[in-house]
C-alpha cells in the first residue's frame, strides 16, 4: 500500500493544482478526536481532505483505527482510493481525488 500512496501522491503533486497542497503522513486535526495521521492529506482553500488506499478485499475500511473513528465522526472528509485502480490506472485514481476536491 505504501508504494500506491507514493505513486498517487507523486502524480497529484506533479499536476501543480493551484491552491491545493498534497502531503504524505501529515497530521490533520479532527474535531472531537484530535490529531490523525493522514496517508494523503489535501490541504487547500476548501479545507482539509484525507485520502487513503483501500485494499479490494476490505472496501470502505480505513487502514487504522484513528482513521476509522475520524471517518465515522465526519469532521473532515475521508475518501478511499482503490489500490488496484492506483496500480493499473493511475490517471483514473488521480481523477477520483480531483473530483472529490471540486
Protein backbone atom coordinates (compact mmCIF):
# COMPACT_ATOMS: atom_id res chain seq x y z
CA UNK A 1 0.00 0.00 0.00
CA UNK A 2 2.90 2.34 0.69
CA UNK A 3 4.01 2.15 -2.95
CA UNK A 4 0.49 3.03 -4.10
CA UNK A 5 0.43 6.02 -1.76
CA UNK A 6 3.78 7.20 -3.12
CA UNK A 7 2.70 6.70 -6.73
CA UNK A 8 -0.63 8.54 -6.30
CA UNK A 9 0.97 11.33 -4.29
CA UNK A 10 3.68 11.89 -6.92
CA UNK A 11 1.06 12.07 -9.67
CA UNK A 12 -1.10 14.53 -7.74
CA UNK A 13 1.87 16.74 -6.85
CA UNK A 14 3.06 16.77 -10.47
CA UNK A 15 -0.24 18.32 -11.56
CA UNK A 16 0.61 21.50 -9.60
CA UNK A 17 -3.00 22.33 -8.74
CA UNK A 18 -3.35 25.95 -7.62
CA UNK A 19 -4.38 26.35 -4.00
CA UNK A 20 -4.02 22.67 -3.05
CA UNK A 21 -1.05 21.05 -1.38
CA UNK A 22 -0.74 17.25 -1.22
CA UNK A 23 1.15 15.88 1.80
CA UNK A 24 2.08 12.36 2.93
CA UNK A 25 1.58 11.11 6.50
CA UNK A 26 0.64 14.59 7.64
CA UNK A 27 -1.21 15.15 10.93
CA UNK A 28 -4.72 16.52 10.49
CA UNK A 29 -6.78 17.95 13.33
CA UNK A 30 -10.16 16.21 13.60
CA UNK A 31 -12.72 17.92 15.86
CA UNK A 32 -13.67 15.58 18.69
CA UNK A 33 -10.73 13.22 18.11
CA UNK A 34 -7.56 15.28 17.88
CA UNK A 35 -4.63 14.72 15.56
CA UNK A 36 -4.91 11.91 12.99
CA UNK A 37 -2.17 10.88 10.57
CA UNK A 38 -3.46 11.24 7.01
CA UNK A 39 -1.88 8.87 4.46
CA UNK A 40 -2.51 11.60 1.86
CA UNK A 41 -3.72 14.99 3.01
CA UNK A 42 -5.07 17.51 0.52
CA UNK A 43 -4.81 20.90 2.16
CA UNK A 44 -6.33 23.84 0.38
CA UNK A 45 -8.95 26.54 0.05
CA UNK A 46 -11.85 24.19 0.76
CA UNK A 47 -10.25 22.83 3.94
CA UNK A 48 -8.51 19.53 4.57
CA UNK A 49 -9.46 16.23 2.95
CA UNK A 50 -7.92 12.87 3.75
CA UNK A 51 -7.34 10.08 1.24
CA UNK A 52 -6.24 6.53 1.95
CA UNK A 53 -5.52 3.47 -0.18
CA UNK A 54 -8.00 0.67 0.36
CA UNK A 55 -7.49 -2.99 -0.34
CA UNK A 56 -10.02 -4.55 -2.72
CA UNK A 57 -10.69 -7.14 0.00
CA UNK A 58 -11.54 -4.57 2.68
CA UNK A 59 -13.64 -1.98 0.90
CA UNK A 60 -14.50 1.17 2.86
CA UNK A 61 -12.32 0.06 5.77
CA UNK A 62 -9.66 2.63 6.66
CA UNK A 63 -6.21 1.18 7.43
CA UNK A 64 -6.06 2.48 11.02
CA UNK A 65 -8.47 2.77 13.92
CA UNK A 66 -7.89 6.52 14.15
CA UNK A 67 -8.94 6.98 10.50
CA UNK A 68 -11.95 4.73 11.10
CA UNK A 69 -13.01 6.88 14.06
CA UNK A 70 -12.44 10.09 12.09
CA UNK A 71 -14.47 8.77 9.16
CA UNK A 72 -17.33 7.77 11.46
CA UNK A 73 -17.31 11.15 13.23
CA UNK A 74 -17.28 13.03 9.94
CA UNK A 75 -15.37 16.17 10.93
CA UNK A 76 -13.08 16.04 7.88
CA UNK A 77 -13.98 14.32 4.59
CA UNK A 78 -12.13 11.00 4.28
CA UNK A 79 -12.12 9.16 0.96
CA UNK A 80 -10.84 5.72 -0.09
CA UNK A 81 -8.91 5.13 -3.31
CA UNK A 82 -8.75 1.54 -4.52
CA UNK A 83 -5.25 0.04 -4.61
CA UNK A 84 -5.96 -1.81 -7.86
CA UNK A 85 -7.06 1.41 -9.57
CA UNK A 86 -3.83 3.15 -8.50
CA UNK A 87 -1.73 0.20 -9.69
CA UNK A 88 -3.45 -0.37 -13.02
CA UNK A 89 -4.83 3.03 -13.99
CA UNK A 90 -3.15 5.87 -12.09
CA UNK A 91 -4.80 8.69 -14.11
CA UNK A 92 -8.26 7.41 -13.09
CA UNK A 93 -7.22 7.31 -9.42
CA UNK A 94 -5.94 10.88 -9.63
CA UNK A 95 -9.16 12.00 -11.33
CA UNK A 96 -11.16 10.46 -8.46
CA UNK A 97 -9.20 12.58 -5.99
CA UNK A 98 -9.65 15.71 -8.11
CA UNK A 99 -13.42 15.13 -8.39
CA UNK A 100 -13.69 14.91 -4.60
CA UNK A 101 -11.76 18.16 -4.30
CA UNK A 102 -14.03 20.12 -6.63
